[in-house]
Amino acid sequence: PPLNLFSLEMTRVFDRRLQEITNDDSIRAVVLTGSGDRAFGAGSDIKEFPGFIETGKVIESKLRYENEVFNRVEDLPQPTIAAMRGVALGGGFELALCCDFRIGADDMKIGLPEIKLGVYPGAGLIRLPRLIGESRAKELMFLGEFIAAKEAAEWGLINRLAPTDEVLSTAIGFAAELANRPARAIQIMKKGLRDI
C-alpha cells in the first residue's frame, strides 16, 4: 500500500498463498483486490530495479518470477475475480488480465505504461490481444496511455462496473454466484479455454 506494488517479498508471499489456494478444494472462487482505494496495483516496485540492474539480473531475479506467479493466478482451478479500485497499471493491470473476470470502479483508470520506461508488458503480450483483439492491444501497449473505466468496459477489459465503495462487495457477490455452480464443470471450461 498505497500503490500495492509488486516487490520481490510481496511476490513471494503472494506465491505461497496461491499454492495454498490451489490445494484447498473448499475454496470455490477467489477475489483479488488491492489494499485501499488508490490502486488495485501499480506494477513492479521499480525501486528494486537498480540492485538487479547492477548485477545484470533483472529478468532472472525479478521479472521471470513475477510472470511465473501471474501464470499461477491464471492456472488456479477456481474462478478468479479482480476487484479493481483506483488505478490498475503495468503489472497491476497484467495481474488483473490473469483473472477470469474483472470488476472495476466506475472512476478508475487502467493502462500499460511500460513503453515509457523502454520495456514491454510481459504478462500482457498474449492475454491482452486474446481479450480485446490485436489492434486495441497494440494501442494500449504502444502508446502507454491510461483509459477510463467506461471505455475499458466497452472494450471488454472490465466485466462489470460499480461505484468505488461497492467494488469489493460486487466482486464477492459475483464470487458467491460462481461458487454455487458445479466446480468441476468450471475447472474443465477454464482448462479448455486456456488450451484453445
Protein backbone atom coordinates (compact mmCIF):
# COMPACT_ATOMS: atom_id res chain seq x y z
CA PRO A 1 0.00 0.00 0.00
CA PRO A 2 -0.89 2.58 -1.05
CA LEU A 3 0.06 1.59 -4.64
CA ASN A 4 0.18 -2.18 -3.97
CA LEU A 5 3.49 -2.59 -5.78
CA PHE A 6 4.99 -5.98 -6.57
CA SER A 7 8.15 -6.14 -4.55
CA LEU A 8 10.09 -9.39 -4.55
CA GLU A 9 8.97 -10.14 -0.98
CA MET A 10 5.31 -9.40 -1.79
CA THR A 11 5.58 -11.70 -4.81
CA ARG A 12 6.94 -14.50 -2.59
CA VAL A 13 4.12 -14.09 -0.07
CA PHE A 14 1.52 -13.97 -2.84
CA ASP A 15 3.01 -17.09 -4.44
CA ARG A 16 2.79 -19.05 -1.18
CA ARG A 17 -0.85 -18.02 -0.77
CA LEU A 18 -1.66 -19.09 -4.34
CA GLN A 19 -0.19 -22.52 -3.66
CA GLU A 20 -2.38 -22.86 -0.57
CA ILE A 21 -5.49 -21.85 -2.56
CA THR A 22 -4.69 -24.28 -5.38
CA ASN A 23 -4.60 -27.19 -2.95
CA ASP A 24 -7.74 -26.23 -0.99
CA ASP A 25 -10.86 -27.80 -2.50
CA SER A 26 -13.06 -25.89 -0.07
CA ILE A 27 -12.23 -22.62 -1.86
CA ARG A 28 -14.73 -22.31 -4.71
CA ALA A 29 -13.89 -18.81 -6.02
CA VAL A 30 -11.10 -16.27 -5.49
CA VAL A 31 -11.29 -12.47 -5.30
CA LEU A 32 -8.07 -10.46 -5.64
CA THR A 33 -8.04 -6.84 -4.56
CA GLY A 34 -5.57 -4.17 -3.54
CA SER A 35 -5.30 -2.55 -0.15
CA GLY A 36 -7.21 0.74 -0.07
CA ASP A 37 -8.94 2.66 -2.85
CA ARG A 38 -5.92 4.26 -4.51
CA ALA A 39 -4.71 1.31 -6.61
CA PHE A 40 -5.52 -2.27 -7.41
CA GLY A 41 -1.85 -2.40 -8.29
CA ALA A 42 0.67 -0.11 -9.95
CA GLY A 43 3.12 -2.77 -11.11
CA SER A 44 6.63 -3.70 -10.06
CA ASP A 45 8.43 -1.84 -7.33
CA ILE A 46 10.93 -0.06 -9.56
CA LYS A 47 12.98 0.95 -6.50
CA GLU A 48 14.24 -2.64 -6.56
CA PHE A 49 15.48 -2.38 -10.14
CA PRO A 50 18.85 -0.61 -9.57
CA GLY A 51 20.13 -3.53 -7.47
CA PHE A 52 19.04 -6.06 -10.07
CA ILE A 53 20.42 -3.93 -12.93
CA GLU A 54 23.76 -3.69 -11.12
CA THR A 55 24.04 -7.48 -11.07
CA GLY A 56 22.60 -7.77 -14.59
CA LYS A 57 19.80 -10.00 -13.33
CA VAL A 58 16.53 -8.04 -13.62
CA ILE A 59 14.84 -10.81 -15.58
CA GLU A 60 16.32 -13.75 -13.66
CA SER A 61 15.90 -12.26 -10.19
CA LYS A 62 12.59 -10.42 -10.50
CA LEU A 63 10.57 -10.32 -13.72
CA ARG A 64 10.64 -14.04 -14.57
CA TYR A 65 9.41 -14.91 -11.08
CA GLU A 66 6.61 -12.31 -11.25
CA ASN A 67 5.46 -13.79 -14.56
CA GLU A 68 5.53 -17.32 -13.11
CA VAL A 69 3.33 -16.13 -10.25
CA PHE A 70 0.95 -14.41 -12.67
CA ASN A 71 0.72 -17.69 -14.60
CA ARG A 72 -0.23 -19.43 -11.34
CA VAL A 73 -3.13 -16.99 -10.94
CA GLU A 74 -4.34 -17.86 -14.43
CA ASP A 75 -3.89 -21.57 -13.71
CA LEU A 76 -5.87 -21.61 -10.46
CA PRO A 77 -8.66 -24.19 -10.78
CA GLN A 78 -11.13 -21.83 -9.12
CA PRO A 79 -12.73 -18.90 -10.97
CA THR A 80 -10.85 -15.69 -10.20
CA ILE A 81 -12.11 -12.11 -9.99
CA ALA A 82 -10.04 -8.93 -9.83
CA ALA A 83 -11.80 -6.26 -7.74
CA MET A 84 -10.12 -3.08 -9.00
CA ARG A 85 -10.25 0.39 -7.49
CA GLY A 86 -8.16 3.49 -8.20
CA VAL A 87 -5.69 2.52 -10.91
CA ALA A 88 -4.54 -0.77 -12.40
CA LEU A 89 -1.25 -0.02 -14.11
CA GLY A 90 1.55 -2.08 -15.58
CA GLY A 91 1.96 -5.28 -13.63
CA GLY A 92 -1.14 -4.48 -11.61
CA PHE A 93 -3.24 -4.50 -14.77
CA GLU A 94 -1.35 -7.53 -16.07
CA LEU A 95 -2.32 -9.37 -12.87
CA ALA A 96 -5.96 -8.43 -13.48
CA LEU A 97 -5.66 -9.86 -17.01
CA CYS A 98 -4.72 -13.21 -15.45
CA CYS A 99 -8.10 -13.31 -13.69
CA ASP A 100 -11.20 -14.77 -15.27
CA PHE A 101 -13.25 -11.65 -14.52
CA ARG A 102 -12.59 -8.01 -13.68
CA ILE A 103 -14.90 -5.79 -11.60
CA GLY A 104 -13.83 -2.16 -11.82
CA ALA A 105 -14.65 1.06 -10.04
CA ASP A 106 -16.54 3.37 -12.38
CA ASP A 107 -13.95 6.12 -11.78
CA MET A 108 -10.80 4.01 -12.14
CA LYS A 109 -8.14 4.09 -14.86
CA ILE A 110 -6.12 1.30 -16.40
CA GLY A 111 -3.01 1.27 -18.51
CA LEU A 112 0.22 -0.37 -19.56
CA PRO A 113 2.79 2.45 -19.28
CA GLU A 114 5.84 0.15 -19.60
CA ILE A 115 6.72 1.61 -23.03
CA LYS A 116 7.53 4.90 -21.31
CA LEU A 117 10.30 3.07 -19.42
CA GLY A 118 11.54 1.39 -22.59
CA VAL A 119 10.19 -2.04 -21.65
CA TYR A 120 7.12 -4.09 -22.52
CA PRO A 121 4.29 -5.73 -20.55
CA GLY A 122 5.46 -9.35 -20.48
CA ALA A 123 2.33 -10.87 -18.95
CA GLY A 124 0.09 -8.79 -21.20
CA LEU A 125 1.56 -9.68 -24.60
CA ILE A 126 -0.59 -12.78 -25.05
CA ARG A 127 -3.50 -12.22 -22.68
CA LEU A 128 -4.45 -8.71 -23.80
CA PRO A 129 -4.84 -9.41 -27.57
CA ARG A 130 -6.87 -12.53 -26.77
CA LEU A 131 -9.25 -10.40 -24.75
CA ILE A 132 -9.66 -7.27 -26.91
CA GLY A 133 -8.01 -8.02 -30.24
CA GLU A 134 -4.60 -7.17 -31.61
CA SER A 135 -5.29 -3.60 -32.76
CA ARG A 136 -6.63 -2.33 -29.45
CA ALA A 137 -3.95 -4.25 -27.54
CA LYS A 138 -1.28 -2.53 -29.63
CA GLU A 139 -2.85 0.84 -28.92
CA LEU A 140 -2.67 0.28 -25.17
CA MET A 141 0.85 -1.18 -25.24
CA PHE A 142 2.49 1.06 -27.87
CA LEU A 143 1.16 4.36 -26.52
CA GLY A 144 1.22 3.57 -22.80
CA GLU A 145 -1.75 5.88 -22.17
CA PHE A 146 -4.40 5.30 -19.50
CA ILE A 147 -8.04 4.66 -20.35
CA ALA A 148 -11.06 5.33 -18.19
CA ALA A 149 -13.24 2.58 -16.74
CA LYS A 150 -16.18 3.19 -19.06
CA GLU A 151 -14.02 2.81 -22.17
CA ALA A 152 -12.28 -0.22 -20.63
CA ALA A 153 -15.68 -1.85 -20.10
CA GLU A 154 -16.71 -1.07 -23.68
CA TRP A 155 -13.50 -2.72 -24.90
CA GLY A 156 -14.18 -5.83 -22.79
CA LEU A 157 -11.38 -5.21 -20.28
CA ILE A 158 -13.81 -4.85 -17.38
CA ASN A 159 -16.78 -7.21 -16.98
CA ARG A 160 -18.77 -5.08 -14.55
CA LEU A 161 -18.54 -1.52 -13.24
CA ALA A 162 -19.51 -0.44 -9.73
CA PRO A 163 -19.07 2.63 -7.52
CA THR A 164 -15.71 2.55 -5.72
CA ASP A 165 -17.24 1.70 -2.35
CA GLU A 166 -19.20 -1.21 -3.87
CA VAL A 167 -16.47 -2.85 -5.97
CA LEU A 168 -15.41 -5.40 -3.37
CA SER A 169 -18.95 -6.33 -2.35
CA THR A 170 -19.91 -6.65 -6.04
CA ALA A 171 -16.93 -8.95 -6.64
CA ILE A 172 -17.71 -11.03 -3.55
CA GLY A 173 -21.36 -11.35 -4.64
CA PHE A 174 -20.23 -12.48 -8.09
CA ALA A 175 -17.81 -14.96 -6.48
CA ALA A 176 -20.68 -16.36 -4.41
CA GLU A 177 -22.71 -16.90 -7.60
CA LEU A 178 -19.77 -18.73 -9.17
CA ALA A 179 -19.21 -20.81 -6.03
CA ASN A 180 -22.76 -22.14 -6.37
CA ARG A 181 -22.00 -23.57 -9.82
CA PRO A 182 -20.52 -27.06 -10.29
CA ALA A 183 -16.80 -26.66 -9.53
CA ARG A 184 -15.63 -29.49 -11.79
CA ALA A 185 -17.50 -28.09 -14.80
CA ILE A 186 -15.90 -24.66 -14.26
CA GLN A 187 -12.45 -26.26 -13.97
CA ILE A 188 -12.94 -28.14 -17.24
CA MET A 189 -14.16 -24.99 -19.03
CA LYS A 190 -11.22 -22.94 -17.69
CA LYS A 191 -8.73 -25.53 -18.89
CA GLY A 192 -10.44 -25.88 -22.28
CA LEU A 193 -10.47 -22.13 -22.87
CA ARG A 194 -6.80 -21.81 -21.89
CA ASP A 195 -5.84 -24.60 -24.27
CA ILE A 196 -7.54 -23.02 -27.32
